[in-house]
Amino acid sequence: MVINLASLLAGTATNPFGNGYFQGPAEAPLEVASACPGIYGKGAYPGYAGDLLVDSSTGATYNANGANGRKYLLPALFDPSTSSCSTLV
């Protein structure tokens, strides 16, 4: 659920007015956050999220550090300059 909300927020931030970057035809656009489903780290493939960092105290995986020591798992975004999915780790 949290991952879906993060993807929606990323799509909104990169396309807040409905005319930002999208992939494919204008009638059926694919936004940058939905172009890379299930990819969170380098080396990802269907069923494997990619190489991620692991929290030693909880065993949870993450790819971004936030304020106050918080850790987040953020989805990859499509990078139009490289025509590939861009991840943080």
PDB file of N, CA and C in Angstrom:
ATOM      1  N   MET A   1       0.821  -1.189   0.000  1.00  0.00           N
ATOM      2  CA  MET A   1       0.000   0.000   0.000  1.00  0.00           C
ATOM      3  C   MET A   1       0.866   1.254   0.000  1.00  0.00           C
ATOM      4  N   VAL A   2       1.890   1.272   0.841  1.00  0.00           N
ATOM      5  CA  VAL A   2       2.766   2.440   0.918  1.00  0.00           C
ATOM      6  C   VAL A   2       3.497   2.638  -0.407  1.00  0.00           C
ATOM      7  N   ILE A   3       3.927   1.541  -1.029  1.00  0.00           N
ATOM      8  CA  ILE A   3       4.624   1.633  -2.311  1.00  0.00           C
ATOM      9  C   ILE A   3       3.705   2.231  -3.372  1.00  0.00           C
ATOM     10  N   ASN A   4       2.439   1.833  -3.380  1.00  0.00           N
ATOM     11  CA  ASN A   4       1.489   2.393  -4.345  1.00  0.00           C
ATOM     12  C   ASN A   4       1.309   3.888  -4.126  1.00  0.00           C
ATOM     13  N   LEU A   5       1.219   4.310  -2.878  1.00  0.00           N
ATOM     14  CA  LEU A   5       1.084   5.737  -2.585  1.00  0.00           C
ATOM     15  C   LEU A   5       2.334   6.499  -3.008  1.00  0.00           C
ATOM     16  N   ALA A   6       3.516   5.917  -2.767  1.00  0.00           N
ATOM     17  CA  ALA A   6       4.764   6.563  -3.171  1.00  0.00           C
ATOM     18  C   ALA A   6       4.820   6.719  -4.688  1.00  0.00           C
ATOM     19  N   SER A   7       4.365   5.718  -5.411  1.00  0.00           N
ATOM     20  CA  SER A   7       4.341   5.801  -6.876  1.00  0.00           C
ATOM     21  C   SER A   7       3.385   6.894  -7.349  1.00  0.00           C
ATOM     22  N   LEU A   8       2.235   6.989  -6.699  1.00  0.00           N
ATOM     23  CA  LEU A   8       1.282   8.044  -7.053  1.00  0.00           C
ATOM     24  C   LEU A   8       1.858   9.427  -6.774  1.00  0.00           C
ATOM     25  N   LEU A   9       2.531   9.582  -5.643  1.00  0.00           N
ATOM     26  CA  LEU A   9       3.141  10.870  -5.311  1.00  0.00           C
ATOM     27  C   LEU A   9       4.248  11.221  -6.293  1.00  0.00           C
ATOM     28  N   ALA A  10       5.057  10.240  -6.674  1.00  0.00           N
ATOM     29  CA  ALA A  10       6.121  10.491  -7.654  1.00  0.00           C
ATOM     30  C   ALA A  10       5.528  10.903  -8.993  1.00  0.00           C
ATOM     31  N   GLY A  11       4.457  10.250  -9.400  1.00  0.00           N
ATOM     32  CA  GLY A  11       3.791  10.615 -10.643  1.00  0.00           C
ATOM     33  C   GLY A  11       3.215  12.016 -10.591  1.00  0.00           C
ATOM     34  N   THR A  12       2.657  12.384  -9.455  1.00  0.00           N
ATOM     35  CA  THR A  12       2.096  13.720  -9.283  1.00  0.00           C
ATOM     36  C   THR A  12       3.187  14.778  -9.290  1.00  0.00           C
ATOM     37  N   ALA A  13       4.295  14.500  -8.616  1.00  0.00           N
ATOM     38  CA  ALA A  13       5.392  15.468  -8.545  1.00  0.00           C
ATOM     39  C   ALA A  13       6.043  15.692  -9.901  1.00  0.00           C
ATOM     40  N   THR A  14       6.096  14.664 -10.730  1.00  0.00           N
ATOM     41  CA  THR A  14       6.727  14.808 -12.036  1.00  0.00           C
ATOM     42  C   THR A  14       5.744  15.215 -13.123  1.00  0.00           C
ATOM     43  N   ASN A  15       4.457  15.211 -12.828  1.00  0.00           N
ATOM     44  CA  ASN A  15       3.438  15.553 -13.812  1.00  0.00           C
ATOM     45  C   ASN A  15       2.242  16.221 -13.126  1.00  0.00           C
ATOM     46  N   PRO A  16       2.457  17.322 -12.393  1.00  0.00           N
ATOM     47  CA  PRO A  16       1.365  17.909 -11.611  1.00  0.00           C
ATOM     48  C   PRO A  16       0.257  18.554 -12.436  1.00  0.00           C
ATOM     49  N   PHE A  17       0.537  18.963 -13.675  1.00  0.00           N
ATOM     50  CA  PHE A  17      -0.474  19.651 -14.467  1.00  0.00           C
ATOM     51  C   PHE A  17      -1.061  18.789 -15.580  1.00  0.00           C
ATOM     52  N   GLY A  18      -0.680  17.505 -15.601  1.00  0.00           N
ATOM     53  CA  GLY A  18      -1.212  16.616 -16.617  1.00  0.00           C
ATOM     54  C   GLY A  18      -0.561  16.760 -17.980  1.00  0.00           C
ATOM     55  N   ASN A  19       0.513  17.538 -18.068  1.00  0.00           N
ATOM     56  CA  ASN A  19       1.168  17.712 -19.361  1.00  0.00           C
ATOM     57  C   ASN A  19       2.679  17.504 -19.264  1.00  0.00           C
ATOM     58  N   GLY A  20       3.141  16.843 -18.220  1.00  0.00           N
ATOM     59  CA  GLY A  20       4.566  16.581 -18.034  1.00  0.00           C
ATOM     60  C   GLY A  20       5.016  15.393 -18.850  1.00  0.00           C
ATOM     61  N   TYR A  21       6.144  14.813 -18.494  1.00  0.00           N
ATOM     62  CA  TYR A  21       6.706  13.711 -19.268  1.00  0.00           C
ATOM     63  C   TYR A  21       5.904  12.435 -19.080  1.00  0.00           C
ATOM     64  N   PHE A  22       5.612  11.772 -20.158  1.00  0.00           N
ATOM     65  CA  PHE A  22       5.026  10.440 -20.120  1.00  0.00           C
ATOM     66  C   PHE A  22       5.536   9.663 -21.321  1.00  0.00           C
ATOM     67  N   GLN A  23       5.452   8.355 -21.225  1.00  0.00           N
ATOM     68  CA  GLN A  23       5.935   7.466 -22.272  1.00  0.00           C
ATOM     69  C   GLN A  23       4.740   6.889 -23.011  1.00  0.00           C
ATOM     70  N   GLY A  24       4.821   6.774 -24.314  1.00  0.00           N
ATOM     71  CA  GLY A  24       3.738   6.196 -25.093  1.00  0.00           C
ATOM     72  C   GLY A  24       2.813   7.250 -25.664  1.00  0.00           C
ATOM     73  N   PRO A  25       1.702   6.808 -26.249  1.00  0.00           N
ATOM     74  CA  PRO A  25       0.772   7.753 -26.879  1.00  0.00           C
ATOM     75  C   PRO A  25       0.040   8.601 -25.841  1.00  0.00           C
ATOM     76  N   ALA A  26      -0.349   9.794 -26.251  1.00  0.00           N
ATOM     77  CA  ALA A  26      -1.043  10.713 -25.343  1.00  0.00           C
ATOM     78  C   ALA A  26      -2.379  10.157 -24.875  1.00  0.00           C
ATOM     79  N   GLU A  27      -2.994   9.286 -25.677  1.00  0.00           N
ATOM     80  CA  GLU A  27      -4.285   8.708 -25.299  1.00  0.00           C
ATOM     81  C   GLU A  27      -4.148   7.685 -24.172  1.00  0.00           C
ATOM     82  N   ALA A  28      -2.986   7.073 -24.047  1.00  0.00           N
ATOM     83  CA  ALA A  28      -2.738   6.063 -23.005  1.00  0.00           C
ATOM     84  C   ALA A  28      -1.336   6.282 -22.428  1.00  0.00           C
ATOM     85  N   PRO A  29      -1.128   7.410 -21.733  1.00  0.00           N
ATOM     86  CA  PRO A  29       0.218   7.732 -21.255  1.00  0.00           C
ATOM     87  C   PRO A  29       0.677   6.826 -20.113  1.00  0.00           C
ATOM     88  N   LEU A  30       1.960   6.588 -20.075  1.00  0.00           N
ATOM     89  CA  LEU A  30       2.589   5.833 -19.001  1.00  0.00           C
ATOM     90  C   LEU A  30       3.524   6.807 -18.300  1.00  0.00           C
ATOM     91  N   GLU A  31       3.212   7.194 -17.063  1.00  0.00           N
ATOM     92  CA  GLU A  31       4.006   8.196 -16.360  1.00  0.00           C
ATOM     93  C   GLU A  31       5.321   7.614 -15.869  1.00  0.00           C
ATOM     94  N   VAL A  32       6.241   8.504 -15.503  1.00  0.00           N
ATOM     95  CA  VAL A  32       7.586   8.084 -15.113  1.00  0.00           C
ATOM     96  C   VAL A  32       7.585   7.125 -13.937  1.00  0.00           C
ATOM     97  N   ALA A  33       6.661   7.258 -13.019  1.00  0.00           N
ATOM     98  CA  ALA A  33       6.633   6.381 -11.843  1.00  0.00           C
ATOM     99  C   ALA A  33       6.053   5.009 -12.161  1.00  0.00           C
ATOM    100  N   SER A  34       5.230   4.916 -13.196  1.00  0.00           N
ATOM    101  CA  SER A  34       4.621   3.628 -13.524  1.00  0.00           C
ATOM    102  C   SER A  34       5.333   2.913 -14.671  1.00  0.00           C
ATOM    103  N   ALA A  35       6.379   3.517 -15.223  1.00  0.00           N
ATOM    104  CA  ALA A  35       7.126   2.899 -16.322  1.00  0.00           C
ATOM    105  C   ALA A  35       8.092   1.834 -15.830  1.00  0.00           C
ATOM    106  N   CYS A  36       8.386   1.816 -14.536  1.00  0.00           N
ATOM    107  CA  CYS A  36       9.377   0.884 -13.981  1.00  0.00           C
ATOM    108  C   CYS A  36       8.784   0.098 -12.812  1.00  0.00           C
ATOM    109  N   PRO A  37       7.717  -0.669 -13.026  1.00  0.00           N
ATOM    110  CA  PRO A  37       7.073  -1.361 -11.901  1.00  0.00           C
ATOM    111  C   PRO A  37       7.961  -2.423 -11.272  1.00  0.00           C
ATOM    112  N   GLY A  38       8.003  -2.445  -9.957  1.00  0.00           N
ATOM    113  CA  GLY A  38       8.741  -3.471  -9.223  1.00  0.00           C
ATOM    114  C   GLY A  38      10.237  -3.281  -9.176  1.00  0.00           C
ATOM    115  N   ILE A  39      10.745  -2.150  -9.662  1.00  0.00           N
ATOM    116  CA  ILE A  39      12.190  -1.902  -9.653  1.00  0.00           C
ATOM    117  C   ILE A  39      12.511  -0.912  -8.538  1.00  0.00           C
ATOM    118  N   TYR A  40      13.383  -1.352  -7.628  1.00  0.00           N
ATOM    119  CA  TYR A  40      13.768  -0.511  -6.493  1.00  0.00           C
ATOM    120  C   TYR A  40      15.276  -0.388  -6.347  1.00  0.00           C
ATOM    121  N   GLY A  41      16.042  -1.244  -7.034  1.00  0.00           N
ATOM    122  CA  GLY A  41      17.496  -1.214  -6.962  1.00  0.00           C
ATOM    123  C   GLY A  41      18.102  -1.746  -8.242  1.00  0.00           C
ATOM    124  N   LYS A  42      19.406  -1.583  -8.391  1.00  0.00           N
ATOM    125  CA  LYS A  42      20.109  -2.067  -9.580  1.00  0.00           C
ATOM    126  C   LYS A  42      20.014  -3.586  -9.676  1.00  0.00           C
ATOM    127  N   GLY A  43      19.928  -4.093 -10.881  1.00  0.00           N
ATOM    128  CA  GLY A  43      19.864  -5.533 -11.105  1.00  0.00           C
ATOM    129  C   GLY A  43      18.485  -6.131 -10.906  1.00  0.00           C
ATOM    130  N   ALA A  44      17.452  -5.295 -10.826  1.00  0.00           N
ATOM    131  CA  ALA A  44      16.089  -5.788 -10.594  1.00  0.00           C
ATOM    132  C   ALA A  44      15.551  -6.511 -11.826  1.00  0.00           C
ATOM    133  N   TYR A  45      14.700  -7.492 -11.587  1.00  0.00           N
ATOM    134  CA  TYR A  45      13.976  -8.210 -12.630  1.00  0.00           C
ATOM    135  C   TYR A  45      12.679  -8.704 -12.006  1.00  0.00           C
ATOM    136  N   PRO A  46      11.708  -9.178 -12.803  1.00  0.00           N
ATOM    137  CA  PRO A  46      10.427  -9.603 -12.230  1.00  0.00           C
ATOM    138  C   PRO A  46      10.599 -10.606 -11.090  1.00  0.00           C
ATOM    139  N   GLY A  47      10.082 -10.263  -9.939  1.00  0.00           N
ATOM    140  CA  GLY A  47      10.185 -11.116  -8.756  1.00  0.00           C
ATOM    141  C   GLY A  47      11.368 -10.788  -7.862  1.00  0.00           C
ATOM    142  N   TYR A  48      12.261  -9.910  -8.313  1.00  0.00           N
ATOM    143  CA  TYR A  48      13.427  -9.500  -7.519  1.00  0.00           C
ATOM    144  C   TYR A  48      13.526  -7.982  -7.584  1.00  0.00           C
ATOM    145  N   ALA A  49      13.418  -7.320  -6.447  1.00  0.00           N
ATOM    146  CA  ALA A  49      13.377  -5.857  -6.392  1.00  0.00           C
ATOM    147  C   ALA A  49      14.700  -5.190  -6.717  1.00  0.00           C
ATOM    148  N   GLY A  50      15.793  -5.930  -6.698  1.00  0.00           N
ATOM    149  CA  GLY A  50      17.103  -5.357  -6.987  1.00  0.00           C
ATOM    150  C   GLY A  50      17.998  -5.377  -5.763  1.00  0.00           C
ATOM    151  N   ASP A  51      19.234  -4.927  -5.946  1.00  0.00           N
ATOM    152  CA  ASP A  51      20.194  -4.867  -4.843  1.00  0.00           C
ATOM    153  C   ASP A  51      19.841  -3.689  -3.942  1.00  0.00           C
ATOM    154  N   LEU A  52      19.453  -3.990  -2.708  1.00  0.00           N
ATOM    155  CA  LEU A  52      19.015  -2.958  -1.773  1.00  0.00           C
ATOM    156  C   LEU A  52      19.870  -2.976  -0.514  1.00  0.00           C
ATOM    157  N   LEU A  53      19.816  -1.892   0.233  1.00  0.00           N
ATOM    158  CA  LEU A  53      20.479  -1.814   1.527  1.00  0.00           C
ATOM    159  C   LEU A  53      19.624  -2.556   2.545  1.00  0.00           C
ATOM    160  N   VAL A  54      20.255  -3.116   3.584  1.00  0.00           N
ATOM    161  CA  VAL A  54      19.534  -3.871   4.611  1.00  0.00           C
ATOM    162  C   VAL A  54      19.781  -3.232   5.968  1.00  0.00           C
ATOM    163  N   ASP A  55      18.702  -2.951   6.697  1.00  0.00           N
ATOM    164  CA  ASP A  55      18.800  -2.411   8.053  1.00  0.00           C
ATOM    165  C   ASP A  55      19.235  -3.539   8.980  1.00  0.00           C
ATOM    166  N   SER A  56      20.361  -3.358   9.656  1.00  0.00           N
ATOM    167  CA  SER A  56      20.907  -4.427  10.500  1.00  0.00           C
ATOM    168  C   SER A  56      20.041  -4.729  11.719  1.00  0.00           C
ATOM    169  N   SER A  57      19.280  -3.761  12.208  1.00  0.00           N
ATOM    170  CA  SER A  57      18.472  -4.008  13.405  1.00  0.00           C
ATOM    171  C   SER A  57      17.132  -4.682  13.102  1.00  0.00           C
ATOM    172  N   THR A  58      16.559  -4.424  11.920  1.00  0.00           N
ATOM    173  CA  THR A  58      15.243  -4.995  11.603  1.00  0.00           C
ATOM    174  C   THR A  58      15.282  -6.009  10.463  1.00  0.00           C
ATOM    175  N   GLY A  59      16.312  -5.963   9.639  1.00  0.00           N
ATOM    176  CA  GLY A  59      16.385  -6.839   8.481  1.00  0.00           C
ATOM    177  C   GLY A  59      15.582  -6.326   7.295  1.00  0.00           C
ATOM    178  N   ALA A  60      14.973  -5.156   7.441  1.00  0.00           N
ATOM    179  CA  ALA A  60      14.179  -4.572   6.364  1.00  0.00           C
ATOM    180  C   ALA A  60      15.096  -3.978   5.298  1.00  0.00           C
ATOM    181  N   THR A  61      14.641  -3.989   4.054  1.00  0.00           N
ATOM    182  CA  THR A  61      15.427  -3.400   2.977  1.00  0.00           C
ATOM    183  C   THR A  61      14.953  -1.981   2.693  1.00  0.00           C
ATOM    184  N   TYR A  62      15.875  -1.160   2.193  1.00  0.00           N
ATOM    185  CA  TYR A  62      15.571   0.231   1.876  1.00  0.00           C
ATOM    186  C   TYR A  62      16.553   0.721   0.826  1.00  0.00           C
ATOM    187  N   ASN A  63      16.260   1.863   0.236  1.00  0.00           N
ATOM    188  CA  ASN A  63      17.179   2.445  -0.732  1.00  0.00           C
ATOM    189  C   ASN A  63      17.356   3.947  -0.564  1.00  0.00           C
ATOM    190  N   ALA A  64      16.782   4.522   0.483  1.00  0.00           N
ATOM    191  CA  ALA A  64      16.923   5.955   0.727  1.00  0.00           C
ATOM    192  C   ALA A  64      16.933   6.236   2.223  1.00  0.00           C
ATOM    193  N   ASN A  65      17.789   7.166   2.613  1.00  0.00           N
ATOM    194  CA  ASN A  65      17.848   7.611   4.005  1.00  0.00           C
ATOM    195  C   ASN A  65      17.126   8.942   4.118  1.00  0.00           C
ATOM    196  N   GLY A  66      16.300   9.068   5.154  1.00  0.00           N
ATOM    197  CA  GLY A  66      15.562  10.294   5.376  1.00  0.00           C
ATOM    198  C   GLY A  66      15.998  10.990   6.646  1.00  0.00           C
ATOM    199  N   ALA A  67      15.252  11.986   7.044  1.00  0.00           N
ATOM    200  CA  ALA A  67      15.537  12.744   8.259  1.00  0.00           C
ATOM    201  C   ALA A  67      15.342  11.869   9.492  1.00  0.00           C
ATOM    202  N   ASN A  68      16.079  12.169  10.527  1.00  0.00           N
ATOM    203  CA  ASN A  68      15.981  11.472  11.814  1.00  0.00           C
ATOM    204  C   ASN A  68      16.235   9.974  11.700  1.00  0.00           C
ATOM    205  N   GLY A  69      17.097   9.570  10.771  1.00  0.00           N
ATOM    206  CA  GLY A  69      17.454   8.164  10.639  1.00  0.00           C
ATOM    207  C   GLY A  69      16.395   7.281  10.005  1.00  0.00           C
ATOM    208  N   ARG A  70      15.367   7.860   9.447  1.00  0.00           N
ATOM    209  CA  ARG A  70      14.321   7.059   8.801  1.00  0.00           C
ATOM    210  C   ARG A  70      14.835   6.485   7.486  1.00  0.00           C
ATOM    211  N   LYS A  71      14.329   5.310   7.144  1.00  0.00           N
ATOM    212  CA  LYS A  71      14.739   4.624   5.924  1.00  0.00           C
ATOM    213  C   LYS A  71      13.510   4.377   5.059  1.00  0.00           C
ATOM    214  N   TYR A  72      13.676   4.542   3.747  1.00  0.00           N
ATOM    215  CA  TYR A  72      12.552   4.437   2.823  1.00  0.00           C
ATOM    216  C   TYR A  72      12.889   3.518   1.652  1.00  0.00           C
ATOM    217  N   LEU A  73      11.869   2.897   1.092  1.00  0.00           N
ATOM    218  CA  LEU A  73      11.992   2.104  -0.123  1.00  0.00           C
ATOM    219  C   LEU A  73      11.235   2.855  -1.214  1.00  0.00           C
ATOM    220  N   LEU A  74      11.970   3.506  -2.111  1.00  0.00           N
ATOM    221  CA  LEU A  74      11.379   4.335  -3.151  1.00  0.00           C
ATOM    222  C   LEU A  74      11.464   3.639  -4.507  1.00  0.00           C
ATOM    223  N   PRO A  75      10.415   3.736  -5.312  1.00  0.00           N
ATOM    224  CA  PRO A  75      10.437   3.080  -6.626  1.00  0.00           C
ATOM    225  C   PRO A  75      11.352   3.810  -7.604  1.00  0.00           C
ATOM    226  N   ALA A  76      11.835   3.075  -8.600  1.00  0.00           N
ATOM    227  CA  ALA A  76      12.641   3.673  -9.663  1.00  0.00           C
ATOM    228  C   ALA A  76      11.750   4.557 -10.526  1.00  0.00           C
ATOM    229  N   LEU A  77      12.351   5.577 -11.129  1.00  0.00           N
ATOM    230  CA  LEU A  77      11.649   6.459 -12.051  1.00  0.00           C
ATOM    231  C   LEU A  77      12.291   6.349 -13.424  1.00  0.00           C
ATOM    232  N   PHE A  78      11.500   6.522 -14.467  1.00  0.00           N
ATOM    233  CA  PHE A  78      12.023   6.474 -15.830  1.00  0.00           C
ATOM    234  C   PHE A  78      12.799   7.749 -16.107  1.00  0.00           C
ATOM    235  N   ASP A  79      14.030   7.613 -16.592  1.00  0.00           N
ATOM    236  CA  ASP A  79      14.893   8.747 -16.909  1.00  0.00           C
ATOM    237  C   ASP A  79      14.900   8.933 -18.428  1.00  0.00           C
ATOM    238  N   PRO A  80      14.258   9.990 -18.935  1.00  0.00           N
ATOM    239  CA  PRO A  80      14.179  10.168 -20.384  1.00  0.00           C
ATOM    240  C   PRO A  80      15.535  10.424 -21.041  1.00  0.00           C
ATOM    241  N   SER A  81      16.519  10.925 -20.296  1.00  0.00           N
ATOM    242  CA  SER A  81      17.827  11.198 -20.896  1.00  0.00           C
ATOM    243  C   SER A  81      18.607   9.918 -21.182  1.00  0.00           C
ATOM    244  N   THR A  82      18.344   8.846 -20.425  1.00  0.00           N
ATOM    245  CA  THR A  82      19.031   7.571 -20.650  1.00  0.00           C
ATOM    246  C   THR A  82      18.087   6.487 -21.173  1.00  0.00           C
ATOM    247  N   SER A  83      16.805   6.791 -21.230  1.00  0.00           N
ATOM    248  CA  SER A  83      15.774   5.824 -21.651  1.00  0.00           C
ATOM    249  C   SER A  83      15.833   4.539 -20.837  1.00  0.00           C
ATOM    250  N   SER A  84      16.052   4.696 -19.532  1.00  0.00           N
ATOM    251  CA  SER A  84      16.098   3.535 -18.640  1.00  0.00           C
ATOM    252  C   SER A  84      15.550   3.930 -17.274  1.00  0.00           C
ATOM    253  N   CYS A  85      15.349   2.933 -16.431  1.00  0.00           N
ATOM    254  CA  CYS A  85      14.860   3.176 -15.082  1.00  0.00           C
ATOM    255  C   CYS A  85      16.024   3.619 -14.201  1.00  0.00           C
ATOM    256  N   SER A  86      15.818   4.658 -13.427  1.00  0.00           N
ATOM    257  CA  SER A  86      16.860   5.200 -12.564  1.00  0.00           C
ATOM    258  C   SER A  86      16.517   4.904 -11.108  1.00  0.00           C
ATOM    259  N   THR A  87      17.469   4.300 -10.398  1.00  0.00           N
ATOM    260  CA  THR A  87      17.273   3.961  -8.989  1.00  0.00           C
ATOM    261  C   THR A  87      18.261   4.727  -8.127  1.00  0.00           C
ATOM    262  N   LEU A  88      18.008   4.743  -6.819  1.00  0.00           N
ATOM    263  CA  LEU A  88      18.910   5.433  -5.900  1.00  0.00           C
ATOM    264  C   LEU A  88      20.126   4.597  -5.545  1.00  0.00           C
ATOM    265  N   VAL A  89      19.971   3.265  -5.508  1.00  0.00           N
ATOM    266  CA  VAL A  89      21.107   2.380  -5.208  1.00  0.00           C
ATOM    267  C   VAL A  89      21.259   1.349  -6.302  1.00  0.00           C
TER     268      VAL A  89
END
